[in-house]
């Protein structure tokens, strides 16, 4: 199957994924789309939302539709790196044997990642980057595809270990889940208080996902689209004589430009395009950039959030 046929197949599989997810997840269409876009681009996601917005259900349902193994790790202040990566044990034959941790799954939900110490956070982020775990000098590859979704609770920061900006940069997307609408919440209550469980069908498997990821990677990108992505990222960096300088302390690095193009490719693919354009870059810019810029004290004093700054940058570059 050539790349064009793979991309045509992707559009159909995307529609099937949306239909299966909708059996369980009410609303949150933008969040579901962002998860699919990140998966196809081979990245990882950070999910922000108050408790009760079905983050765990959304991720576990996605794993079922993709036919991937799923593990959820509840991060706590006493969690150690070996608790997630695995450790060597002495078996009944007095031989050292590696006992795999919960990181060895196709999709891993790292719940409340800001509740665990930096040492354990670093172990997770290293596994995300290297797609492997090293214990006692031996490297163990993680399953492929490997997709990490980490959650943070934005309303409860007491006793937490916020991720530094350099570690946040490892996540391709920062997805924010909002409250459901009134009608959506009515439907949620109907579904979750009835004596029935919706069954979802498997749409893809691991080999098909990796083939689609490779097809997305090979999508051609015009130079003007790459320049547009780089110009958006460059506009987030404080510079003299710029309108937004007083609102920015730090801007995004080159990884943001790379993720903008990868995200734009994936976004274009699910919408039936064979090459991304500037609109695809703009569509993913908020999710890629919001956790990579640091608003200044001046911006915070005026109530100007990172999202508002990015939206203004996108508008000025159209």
C-alpha atoms as a PDB file:
ATOM      1  CA  UNK A   1       0.000   0.000   0.000  1.00  0.00           C
ATOM      2  CA  UNK A   2       1.517   3.346  -1.045  1.00  0.00           C
ATOM      3  CA  UNK A   3       1.382   6.549   1.019  1.00  0.00           C
ATOM      4  CA  UNK A   4      -1.642   7.967  -0.811  1.00  0.00           C
ATOM      5  CA  UNK A   5      -3.614   4.794  -0.123  1.00  0.00           C
ATOM      6  CA  UNK A   6      -2.471   4.862   3.515  1.00  0.00           C
ATOM      7  CA  UNK A   7      -3.648   8.458   3.913  1.00  0.00           C
ATOM      8  CA  UNK A   8      -6.989   7.665   2.247  1.00  0.00           C
ATOM      9  CA  UNK A   9      -7.380   4.766   4.669  1.00  0.00           C
ATOM     10  CA  UNK A  10      -6.500   7.071   7.560  1.00  0.00           C
ATOM     11  CA  UNK A  11      -9.463   9.349   6.835  1.00  0.00           C
ATOM     12  CA  UNK A  12     -11.849   6.389   7.072  1.00  0.00           C
ATOM     13  CA  UNK A  13     -10.197   5.012  10.199  1.00  0.00           C
ATOM     14  CA  UNK A  14     -10.339   8.462  11.791  1.00  0.00           C
ATOM     15  CA  UNK A  15     -14.095   8.597  11.189  1.00  0.00           C
ATOM     16  CA  UNK A  16     -14.437   5.101  12.670  1.00  0.00           C
ATOM     17  CA  UNK A  17     -12.387   6.100  15.729  1.00  0.00           C
ATOM     18  CA  UNK A  18     -14.547   9.178  16.296  1.00  0.00           C
ATOM     19  CA  UNK A  19     -17.715   7.088  16.003  1.00  0.00           C
ATOM     20  CA  UNK A  20     -16.484   4.454  18.474  1.00  0.00           C
ATOM     21  CA  UNK A  21     -15.241   7.052  20.978  1.00  0.00           C
ATOM     22  CA  UNK A  22     -18.596   8.856  20.808  1.00  0.00           C
ATOM     23  CA  UNK A  23     -20.309   5.720  22.138  1.00  0.00           C
ATOM     24  CA  UNK A  24     -18.614   6.332  25.487  1.00  0.00           C
ATOM     25  CA  UNK A  25     -17.346   9.918  25.541  1.00  0.00           C
ATOM     26  CA  UNK A  26     -19.968  12.675  25.357  1.00  0.00           C
ATOM     27  CA  UNK A  27     -18.634  15.874  23.819  1.00  0.00           C
ATOM     28  CA  UNK A  28     -14.916  16.700  24.180  1.00  0.00           C
ATOM     29  CA  UNK A  29     -14.551  16.380  20.396  1.00  0.00           C
ATOM     30  CA  UNK A  30     -11.568  18.748  20.250  1.00  0.00           C
ATOM     31  CA  UNK A  31      -9.749  16.787  22.955  1.00  0.00           C
ATOM     32  CA  UNK A  32     -10.413  13.475  21.176  1.00  0.00           C
ATOM     33  CA  UNK A  33      -9.163  14.947  17.887  1.00  0.00           C
ATOM     34  CA  UNK A  34      -6.025  16.225  19.609  1.00  0.00           C
ATOM     35  CA  UNK A  35      -5.318  12.788  21.086  1.00  0.00           C
ATOM     36  CA  UNK A  36      -5.609  11.177  17.648  1.00  0.00           C
ATOM     37  CA  UNK A  37      -3.433  13.872  16.043  1.00  0.00           C
ATOM     38  CA  UNK A  38      -0.720  13.399  18.688  1.00  0.00           C
ATOM     39  CA  UNK A  39      -0.795   9.616  18.354  1.00  0.00           C
ATOM     40  CA  UNK A  40      -0.416   9.767  14.560  1.00  0.00           C
ATOM     41  CA  UNK A  41       2.462  12.231  14.924  1.00  0.00           C
ATOM     42  CA  UNK A  42       4.231   9.912  17.383  1.00  0.00           C
ATOM     43  CA  UNK A  43       4.156  12.398  20.272  1.00  0.00           C
ATOM     44  CA  UNK A  44       2.929  12.464  23.863  1.00  0.00           C
ATOM     45  CA  UNK A  45       0.175  14.531  25.526  1.00  0.00           C
ATOM     46  CA  UNK A  46      -0.336  16.509  28.689  1.00  0.00           C
ATOM     47  CA  UNK A  47      -4.009  16.651  29.744  1.00  0.00           C
ATOM     48  CA  UNK A  48      -5.198  19.468  31.990  1.00  0.00           C
ATOM     49  CA  UNK A  49      -8.659  19.431  33.504  1.00  0.00           C
ATOM     50  CA  UNK A  50     -10.537  19.452  36.774  1.00  0.00           C
ATOM     51  CA  UNK A  51     -11.529  16.089  38.299  1.00  0.00           C
ATOM     52  CA  UNK A  52     -14.502  14.276  36.796  1.00  0.00           C
ATOM     53  CA  UNK A  53     -14.034  15.189  33.125  1.00  0.00           C
ATOM     54  CA  UNK A  54     -13.515  11.531  32.095  1.00  0.00           C
ATOM     55  CA  UNK A  55      -9.800  11.820  31.333  1.00  0.00           C
ATOM     56  CA  UNK A  56      -9.126   8.210  32.363  1.00  0.00           C
ATOM     57  CA  UNK A  57     -12.201   6.925  30.523  1.00  0.00           C
ATOM     58  CA  UNK A  58     -11.206   8.819  27.389  1.00  0.00           C
ATOM     59  CA  UNK A  59      -7.704   7.327  27.354  1.00  0.00           C
ATOM     60  CA  UNK A  60      -8.799   3.769  28.192  1.00  0.00           C
ATOM     61  CA  UNK A  61     -11.491   3.910  25.484  1.00  0.00           C
ATOM     62  CA  UNK A  62      -8.920   5.109  22.947  1.00  0.00           C
ATOM     63  CA  UNK A  63      -6.703   2.150  23.880  1.00  0.00           C
ATOM     64  CA  UNK A  64      -9.588  -0.272  23.247  1.00  0.00           C
ATOM     65  CA  UNK A  65     -10.364   1.196  19.828  1.00  0.00           C
ATOM     66  CA  UNK A  66      -6.679   0.936  18.885  1.00  0.00           C
ATOM     67  CA  UNK A  67      -6.199  -2.581  20.237  1.00  0.00           C
ATOM     68  CA  UNK A  68      -3.306  -1.448  22.448  1.00  0.00           C
ATOM     69  CA  UNK A  69      -2.472  -2.507  25.989  1.00  0.00           C
ATOM     70  CA  UNK A  70      -3.311   0.142  28.574  1.00  0.00           C
ATOM     71  CA  UNK A  71      -1.852   0.877  32.008  1.00  0.00           C
ATOM     72  CA  UNK A  72      -2.782   3.648  34.404  1.00  0.00           C
ATOM     73  CA  UNK A  73      -0.205   4.863  36.934  1.00  0.00           C
ATOM     74  CA  UNK A  74      -1.490   6.902  39.877  1.00  0.00           C
ATOM     75  CA  UNK A  75       1.416   9.163  40.774  1.00  0.00           C
ATOM     76  CA  UNK A  76       1.893   9.756  44.505  1.00  0.00           C
ATOM     77  CA  UNK A  77       4.604  11.475  46.603  1.00  0.00           C
ATOM     78  CA  UNK A  78       6.118   8.107  47.609  1.00  0.00           C
ATOM     79  CA  UNK A  79       6.343   6.616  44.100  1.00  0.00           C
ATOM     80  CA  UNK A  80       9.886   5.610  43.118  1.00  0.00           C
ATOM     81  CA  UNK A  81      11.335   5.273  39.580  1.00  0.00           C
ATOM     82  CA  UNK A  82      11.526   1.473  39.888  1.00  0.00           C
ATOM     83  CA  UNK A  83       7.789   1.416  40.652  1.00  0.00           C
ATOM     84  CA  UNK A  84       7.063   2.530  37.089  1.00  0.00           C
ATOM     85  CA  UNK A  85      10.033   1.202  35.105  1.00  0.00           C
ATOM     86  CA  UNK A  86      10.340  -2.179  36.812  1.00  0.00           C
ATOM     87  CA  UNK A  87      13.162  -3.792  38.790  1.00  0.00           C
ATOM     88  CA  UNK A  88      15.299  -6.886  38.988  1.00  0.00           C
ATOM     89  CA  UNK A  89      14.197  -9.568  41.437  1.00  0.00           C
ATOM     90  CA  UNK A  90      15.667 -12.844  42.650  1.00  0.00           C
ATOM     91  CA  UNK A  91      13.376 -15.613  41.420  1.00  0.00           C
ATOM     92  CA  UNK A  92      12.774 -19.046  42.971  1.00  0.00           C
ATOM     93  CA  UNK A  93      15.739 -20.451  41.012  1.00  0.00           C
ATOM     94  CA  UNK A  94      18.015 -17.829  42.588  1.00  0.00           C
ATOM     95  CA  UNK A  95      18.404 -16.105  39.221  1.00  0.00           C
ATOM     96  CA  UNK A  96      18.021 -12.372  38.658  1.00  0.00           C
ATOM     97  CA  UNK A  97      14.958 -11.629  36.559  1.00  0.00           C
ATOM     98  CA  UNK A  98      13.601  -8.305  35.329  1.00  0.00           C
ATOM     99  CA  UNK A  99      10.041  -7.634  36.452  1.00  0.00           C
ATOM    100  CA  UNK A 100       8.485  -5.161  34.057  1.00  0.00           C
ATOM    101  CA  UNK A 101       6.741  -2.092  35.443  1.00  0.00           C
ATOM    102  CA  UNK A 102       3.525  -0.438  34.227  1.00  0.00           C
ATOM    103  CA  UNK A 103       5.419   1.603  31.639  1.00  0.00           C
ATOM    104  CA  UNK A 104       5.458  -1.485  29.443  1.00  0.00           C
ATOM    105  CA  UNK A 105       2.180  -0.824  27.644  1.00  0.00           C
ATOM    106  CA  UNK A 106       1.067   0.673  24.352  1.00  0.00           C
ATOM    107  CA  UNK A 107      -0.783   3.525  26.055  1.00  0.00           C
ATOM    108  CA  UNK A 108       0.202   4.752  29.530  1.00  0.00           C
ATOM    109  CA  UNK A 109      -1.892   7.190  31.553  1.00  0.00           C
ATOM    110  CA  UNK A 110       0.334   9.008  34.042  1.00  0.00           C
ATOM    111  CA  UNK A 111      -2.319  10.349  36.399  1.00  0.00           C
ATOM    112  CA  UNK A 112      -1.457  13.521  38.345  1.00  0.00           C
ATOM    113  CA  UNK A 113       2.172  13.567  37.265  1.00  0.00           C
ATOM    114  CA  UNK A 114       2.776  16.679  39.376  1.00  0.00           C
ATOM    115  CA  UNK A 115       2.144  14.691  42.575  1.00  0.00           C
ATOM    116  CA  UNK A 116       5.335  12.631  42.354  1.00  0.00           C
ATOM    117  CA  UNK A 117       8.931  13.705  43.104  1.00  0.00           C
ATOM    118  CA  UNK A 118      11.241  14.941  40.316  1.00  0.00           C
ATOM    119  CA  UNK A 119      13.239  11.688  40.284  1.00  0.00           C
ATOM    120  CA  UNK A 120      10.171   9.665  39.264  1.00  0.00           C
ATOM    121  CA  UNK A 121       9.030  12.341  36.825  1.00  0.00           C
ATOM    122  CA  UNK A 122      12.473  12.202  35.191  1.00  0.00           C
ATOM    123  CA  UNK A 123      12.253   8.398  34.841  1.00  0.00           C
ATOM    124  CA  UNK A 124       8.949   8.740  32.978  1.00  0.00           C
ATOM    125  CA  UNK A 125      10.218  11.522  30.727  1.00  0.00           C
ATOM    126  CA  UNK A 126      13.376   9.589  29.905  1.00  0.00           C
ATOM    127  CA  UNK A 127      11.286   6.585  28.865  1.00  0.00           C
ATOM    128  CA  UNK A 128       9.112   8.874  26.718  1.00  0.00           C
ATOM    129  CA  UNK A 129      12.157  10.219  24.898  1.00  0.00           C
ATOM    130  CA  UNK A 130      14.197   7.029  24.545  1.00  0.00           C
ATOM    131  CA  UNK A 131      11.262   4.610  24.096  1.00  0.00           C
ATOM    132  CA  UNK A 132      13.232   2.262  26.340  1.00  0.00           C
ATOM    133  CA  UNK A 133      14.017   1.611  30.008  1.00  0.00           C
ATOM    134  CA  UNK A 134      17.497   0.931  31.386  1.00  0.00           C
ATOM    135  CA  UNK A 135      17.773  -1.091  34.609  1.00  0.00           C
ATOM    136  CA  UNK A 136      21.054  -2.385  36.064  1.00  0.00           C
ATOM    137  CA  UNK A 137      22.875  -1.586  32.827  1.00  0.00           C
ATOM    138  CA  UNK A 138      20.445  -3.473  30.592  1.00  0.00           C
ATOM    139  CA  UNK A 139      18.165  -1.644  28.151  1.00  0.00           C
ATOM    140  CA  UNK A 140      14.642  -2.940  27.620  1.00  0.00           C
ATOM    141  CA  UNK A 141      12.710  -1.526  24.635  1.00  0.00           C
ATOM    142  CA  UNK A 142       9.153  -0.387  25.291  1.00  0.00           C
ATOM    143  CA  UNK A 143       6.234  -1.608  23.144  1.00  0.00           C
ATOM    144  CA  UNK A 144       5.660   0.143  19.843  1.00  0.00           C
ATOM    145  CA  UNK A 145       3.710   2.290  19.383  1.00  0.00           C
ATOM    146  CA  UNK A 146       4.264   3.898  22.803  1.00  0.00           C
ATOM    147  CA  UNK A 147       1.951   6.742  23.791  1.00  0.00           C
ATOM    148  CA  UNK A 148       2.034   8.574  27.149  1.00  0.00           C
ATOM    149  CA  UNK A 149      -0.741  10.817  28.391  1.00  0.00           C
ATOM    150  CA  UNK A 150      -0.009  12.663  31.619  1.00  0.00           C
ATOM    151  CA  UNK A 151      -2.649  14.535  33.603  1.00  0.00           C
ATOM    152  CA  UNK A 152      -2.347  17.478  35.948  1.00  0.00           C
ATOM    153  CA  UNK A 153      -4.994  18.895  38.233  1.00  0.00           C
ATOM    154  CA  UNK A 154      -4.933  22.677  37.663  1.00  0.00           C
ATOM    155  CA  UNK A 155      -6.949  23.622  40.762  1.00  0.00           C
ATOM    156  CA  UNK A 156      -5.010  21.851  43.500  1.00  0.00           C
ATOM    157  CA  UNK A 157      -1.311  22.714  43.744  1.00  0.00           C
ATOM    158  CA  UNK A 158      -0.632  22.132  47.440  1.00  0.00           C
ATOM    159  CA  UNK A 159       1.992  19.458  48.017  1.00  0.00           C
ATOM    160  CA  UNK A 160       2.781  19.049  44.318  1.00  0.00           C
ATOM    161  CA  UNK A 161       5.948  19.040  42.227  1.00  0.00           C
ATOM    162  CA  UNK A 162       5.234  21.164  39.129  1.00  0.00           C
ATOM    163  CA  UNK A 163       7.060  20.036  36.012  1.00  0.00           C
ATOM    164  CA  UNK A 164       9.840  22.445  34.982  1.00  0.00           C
ATOM    165  CA  UNK A 165       9.470  24.133  31.608  1.00  0.00           C
ATOM    166  CA  UNK A 166      12.330  22.036  30.191  1.00  0.00           C
ATOM    167  CA  UNK A 167      10.422  18.847  31.039  1.00  0.00           C
ATOM    168  CA  UNK A 168       7.078  20.185  29.833  1.00  0.00           C
ATOM    169  CA  UNK A 169       8.815  20.688  26.484  1.00  0.00           C
ATOM    170  CA  UNK A 170       8.924  16.885  26.073  1.00  0.00           C
ATOM    171  CA  UNK A 171       5.159  16.791  25.599  1.00  0.00           C
ATOM    172  CA  UNK A 172       4.002  17.494  22.075  1.00  0.00           C
ATOM    173  CA  UNK A 173       0.529  18.760  23.025  1.00  0.00           C
ATOM    174  CA  UNK A 174      -0.971  20.401  26.079  1.00  0.00           C
ATOM    175  CA  UNK A 175      -4.700  19.655  25.870  1.00  0.00           C
ATOM    176  CA  UNK A 176      -7.153  21.453  28.141  1.00  0.00           C
ATOM    177  CA  UNK A 177     -10.483  19.822  28.873  1.00  0.00           C
ATOM    178  CA  UNK A 178     -13.346  22.164  29.639  1.00  0.00           C
ATOM    179  CA  UNK A 179     -16.630  21.571  31.427  1.00  0.00           C
ATOM    180  CA  UNK A 180     -19.348  19.927  29.309  1.00  0.00           C
ATOM    181  CA  UNK A 181     -22.306  21.958  28.100  1.00  0.00           C
ATOM    182  CA  UNK A 182     -25.627  21.609  29.932  1.00  0.00           C
ATOM    183  CA  UNK A 183     -27.056  19.193  27.340  1.00  0.00           C
ATOM    184  CA  UNK A 184     -23.820  17.171  27.293  1.00  0.00           C
ATOM    185  CA  UNK A 185     -23.871  16.846  31.061  1.00  0.00           C
ATOM    186  CA  UNK A 186     -27.487  15.655  30.950  1.00  0.00           C
ATOM    187  CA  UNK A 187     -26.441  12.951  28.471  1.00  0.00           C
ATOM    188  CA  UNK A 188     -23.431  12.015  30.628  1.00  0.00           C
ATOM    189  CA  UNK A 189     -25.662  11.534  33.669  1.00  0.00           C
ATOM    190  CA  UNK A 190     -28.092   9.408  31.644  1.00  0.00           C
ATOM    191  CA  UNK A 191     -25.320   7.148  30.369  1.00  0.00           C
ATOM    192  CA  UNK A 192     -23.412   6.740  33.606  1.00  0.00           C
ATOM    193  CA  UNK A 193     -26.374   6.089  35.896  1.00  0.00           C
ATOM    194  CA  UNK A 194     -28.049   3.432  33.746  1.00  0.00           C
ATOM    195  CA  UNK A 195     -27.468  -0.310  33.922  1.00  0.00           C
ATOM    196  CA  UNK A 196     -25.650  -0.619  30.621  1.00  0.00           C
ATOM    197  CA  UNK A 197     -22.086  -0.448  29.394  1.00  0.00           C
ATOM    198  CA  UNK A 198     -21.308   0.703  25.862  1.00  0.00           C
ATOM    199  CA  UNK A 199     -19.038  -1.646  23.942  1.00  0.00           C
ATOM    200  CA  UNK A 200     -16.501  -0.185  21.528  1.00  0.00           C
ATOM    201  CA  UNK A 201     -15.015  -2.005  18.549  1.00  0.00           C
ATOM    202  CA  UNK A 202     -11.339  -2.176  17.667  1.00  0.00           C
ATOM    203  CA  UNK A 203     -10.566   0.002  14.647  1.00  0.00           C
ATOM    204  CA  UNK A 204      -6.791  -0.353  14.292  1.00  0.00           C
ATOM    205  CA  UNK A 205      -3.955  -2.506  15.579  1.00  0.00           C
ATOM    206  CA  UNK A 206      -0.331  -1.738  16.463  1.00  0.00           C
ATOM    207  CA  UNK A 207       1.088  -2.553  13.014  1.00  0.00           C
ATOM    208  CA  UNK A 208      -1.514  -0.420  11.230  1.00  0.00           C
ATOM    209  CA  UNK A 209      -0.908   2.492  13.608  1.00  0.00           C
ATOM    210  CA  UNK A 210       2.845   2.417  12.938  1.00  0.00           C
ATOM    211  CA  UNK A 211       2.246   2.229   9.176  1.00  0.00           C
ATOM    212  CA  UNK A 212      -0.041   5.290   9.377  1.00  0.00           C
ATOM    213  CA  UNK A 213       2.509   7.135  11.534  1.00  0.00           C
ATOM    214  CA  UNK A 214       5.179   6.520   8.902  1.00  0.00           C
ATOM    215  CA  UNK A 215       2.853   7.698   6.120  1.00  0.00           C
ATOM    216  CA  UNK A 216       2.159  10.907   8.074  1.00  0.00           C
ATOM    217  CA  UNK A 217       5.898  11.430   8.611  1.00  0.00           C
ATOM    218  CA  UNK A 218       6.539  11.125   4.867  1.00  0.00           C
ATOM    219  CA  UNK A 219       3.965  13.786   3.927  1.00  0.00           C
ATOM    220  CA  UNK A 220       5.644  16.582   1.934  1.00  0.00           C
ATOM    221  CA  UNK A 221       5.603  20.097   3.385  1.00  0.00           C
ATOM    222  CA  UNK A 222       6.036  23.292   1.376  1.00  0.00           C
ATOM    223  CA  UNK A 223       8.809  25.664   2.440  1.00  0.00           C
ATOM    224  CA  UNK A 224       6.361  28.496   3.053  1.00  0.00           C
ATOM    225  CA  UNK A 225       4.478  26.320   5.576  1.00  0.00           C
ATOM    226  CA  UNK A 226       7.715  25.536   7.435  1.00  0.00           C
ATOM    227  CA  UNK A 227       8.599  29.242   7.450  1.00  0.00           C
ATOM    228  CA  UNK A 228       5.134  30.030   8.808  1.00  0.00           C
ATOM    229  CA  UNK A 229       5.607  27.527  11.666  1.00  0.00           C
ATOM    230  CA  UNK A 230       9.057  28.894  12.520  1.00  0.00           C
ATOM    231  CA  UNK A 231       7.775  32.474  12.407  1.00  0.00           C
ATOM    232  CA  UNK A 232       5.040  31.612  14.930  1.00  0.00           C
ATOM    233  CA  UNK A 233       7.610  30.124  17.296  1.00  0.00           C
ATOM    234  CA  UNK A 234      10.024  33.030  16.799  1.00  0.00           C
ATOM    235  CA  UNK A 235       7.231  35.469  17.666  1.00  0.00           C
ATOM    236  CA  UNK A 236       6.957  33.890  21.144  1.00  0.00           C
ATOM    237  CA  UNK A 237      10.539  34.860  21.992  1.00  0.00           C
ATOM    238  CA  UNK A 238      10.985  38.220  23.732  1.00  0.00           C
ATOM    239  CA  UNK A 239      12.736  40.701  21.457  1.00  0.00           C
ATOM    240  CA  UNK A 240      13.231  44.481  21.557  1.00  0.00           C
ATOM    241  CA  UNK A 241      10.692  46.659  19.793  1.00  0.00           C
ATOM    242  CA  UNK A 242       8.012  43.973  19.604  1.00  0.00           C
ATOM    243  CA  UNK A 243       4.465  44.536  20.765  1.00  0.00           C
ATOM    244  CA  UNK A 244       4.362  41.352  22.857  1.00  0.00           C
ATOM    245  CA  UNK A 245       7.774  41.744  24.509  1.00  0.00           C
ATOM    246  CA  UNK A 246       6.362  43.001  27.808  1.00  0.00           C
ATOM    247  CA  UNK A 247       4.041  40.003  28.049  1.00  0.00           C
ATOM    248  CA  UNK A 248       6.721  37.313  27.578  1.00  0.00           C
ATOM    249  CA  UNK A 249       9.490  36.146  29.899  1.00  0.00           C
ATOM    250  CA  UNK A 250      10.573  33.131  27.849  1.00  0.00           C
ATOM    251  CA  UNK A 251       9.554  31.797  24.464  1.00  0.00           C
ATOM    252  CA  UNK A 252       9.400  28.413  22.761  1.00  0.00           C
ATOM    253  CA  UNK A 253      12.483  26.546  21.512  1.00  0.00           C
ATOM    254  CA  UNK A 254      13.164  24.739  18.221  1.00  0.00           C
ATOM    255  CA  UNK A 255      11.293  21.606  19.369  1.00  0.00           C
ATOM    256  CA  UNK A 256       8.104  23.674  19.121  1.00  0.00           C
ATOM    257  CA  UNK A 257       8.759  24.276  15.413  1.00  0.00           C
ATOM    258  CA  UNK A 258       9.279  20.555  14.860  1.00  0.00           C
ATOM    259  CA  UNK A 259       6.070  19.671  16.702  1.00  0.00           C
ATOM    260  CA  UNK A 260       4.101  22.331  14.818  1.00  0.00           C
ATOM    261  CA  UNK A 261       5.023  20.688  11.514  1.00  0.00           C
ATOM    262  CA  UNK A 262       4.425  17.135  12.777  1.00  0.00           C
ATOM    263  CA  UNK A 263       1.098  18.186  14.284  1.00  0.00           C
ATOM    264  CA  UNK A 264       0.135  20.013  11.089  1.00  0.00           C
ATOM    265  CA  UNK A 265       0.910  16.888   9.027  1.00  0.00           C
ATOM    266  CA  UNK A 266      -1.256  14.746  11.279  1.00  0.00           C
ATOM    267  CA  UNK A 267      -4.061  17.336  11.346  1.00  0.00           C
ATOM    268  CA  UNK A 268      -3.989  17.570   7.548  1.00  0.00           C
ATOM    269  CA  UNK A 269      -4.032  13.786   7.186  1.00  0.00           C
ATOM    270  CA  UNK A 270      -7.186  13.225   9.239  1.00  0.00           C
ATOM    271  CA  UNK A 271      -8.932  15.900   7.157  1.00  0.00           C
ATOM    272  CA  UNK A 272      -8.127  14.265   3.841  1.00  0.00           C
ATOM    273  CA  UNK A 273      -5.199  16.427   2.733  1.00  0.00           C
ATOM    274  CA  UNK A 274      -1.978  15.065   1.272  1.00  0.00           C
ATOM    275  CA  UNK A 275       0.128  17.998   2.481  1.00  0.00           C
ATOM    276  CA  UNK A 276      -0.368  20.481   5.348  1.00  0.00           C
ATOM    277  CA  UNK A 277      -0.927  24.191   4.841  1.00  0.00           C
ATOM    278  CA  UNK A 278      -0.715  27.243   7.110  1.00  0.00           C
ATOM    279  CA  UNK A 279      -4.228  26.614   8.428  1.00  0.00           C
ATOM    280  CA  UNK A 280      -3.145  23.199   9.727  1.00  0.00           C
ATOM    281  CA  UNK A 281      -0.201  24.810  11.523  1.00  0.00           C
ATOM    282  CA  UNK A 282      -2.512  27.387  13.118  1.00  0.00           C
ATOM    283  CA  UNK A 283      -4.960  24.648  14.138  1.00  0.00           C
ATOM    284  CA  UNK A 284      -2.382  22.906  16.343  1.00  0.00           C
ATOM    285  CA  UNK A 285      -0.433  25.998  17.442  1.00  0.00           C
ATOM    286  CA  UNK A 286      -2.326  26.554  20.702  1.00  0.00           C
ATOM    287  CA  UNK A 287      -1.826  22.984  21.922  1.00  0.00           C
ATOM    288  CA  UNK A 288       1.855  22.980  20.922  1.00  0.00           C
ATOM    289  CA  UNK A 289       2.805  26.389  22.317  1.00  0.00           C
ATOM    290  CA  UNK A 290       0.728  26.994  25.453  1.00  0.00           C
ATOM    291  CA  UNK A 291       3.101  25.056  27.751  1.00  0.00           C
ATOM    292  CA  UNK A 292       6.263  26.338  26.071  1.00  0.00           C
ATOM    293  CA  UNK A 293       5.968  30.044  26.784  1.00  0.00           C
ATOM    294  CA  UNK A 294       6.240  31.815  30.129  1.00  0.00           C
ATOM    295  CA  UNK A 295       4.078  34.949  30.464  1.00  0.00           C
ATOM    296  CA  UNK A 296       5.701  37.838  32.302  1.00  0.00           C
ATOM    297  CA  UNK A 297       4.541  39.328  35.584  1.00  0.00           C
ATOM    298  CA  UNK A 298       3.122  42.190  33.528  1.00  0.00           C
ATOM    299  CA  UNK A 299       0.914  39.755  31.602  1.00  0.00           C
ATOM    300  CA  UNK A 300      -0.239  38.050  34.792  1.00  0.00           C
ATOM    301  CA  UNK A 301      -1.059  41.428  36.360  1.00  0.00           C
ATOM    302  CA  UNK A 302      -3.204  42.308  33.349  1.00  0.00           C
ATOM    303  CA  UNK A 303      -4.857  38.879  33.309  1.00  0.00           C
ATOM    304  CA  UNK A 304      -3.376  37.963  29.935  1.00  0.00           C
ATOM    305  CA  UNK A 305      -2.920  34.191  29.725  1.00  0.00           C
ATOM    306  CA  UNK A 306      -0.561  32.168  27.544  1.00  0.00           C
ATOM    307  CA  UNK A 307      -3.536  31.206  25.346  1.00  0.00           C
ATOM    308  CA  UNK A 308      -4.378  34.869  24.711  1.00  0.00           C
ATOM    309  CA  UNK A 309      -0.781  35.664  23.804  1.00  0.00           C
ATOM    310  CA  UNK A 310      -0.603  32.736  21.365  1.00  0.00           C
ATOM    311  CA  UNK A 311      -3.965  33.624  19.814  1.00  0.00           C
ATOM    312  CA  UNK A 312      -2.710  37.155  19.216  1.00  0.00           C
ATOM    313  CA  UNK A 313       0.491  35.814  17.614  1.00  0.00           C
ATOM    314  CA  UNK A 314      -1.514  33.511  15.316  1.00  0.00           C
ATOM    315  CA  UNK A 315      -3.829  36.344  14.275  1.00  0.00           C
ATOM    316  CA  UNK A 316      -0.924  38.685  13.519  1.00  0.00           C
ATOM    317  CA  UNK A 317       0.762  36.028  11.336  1.00  0.00           C
ATOM    318  CA  UNK A 318      -2.253  35.199   9.174  1.00  0.00           C
END
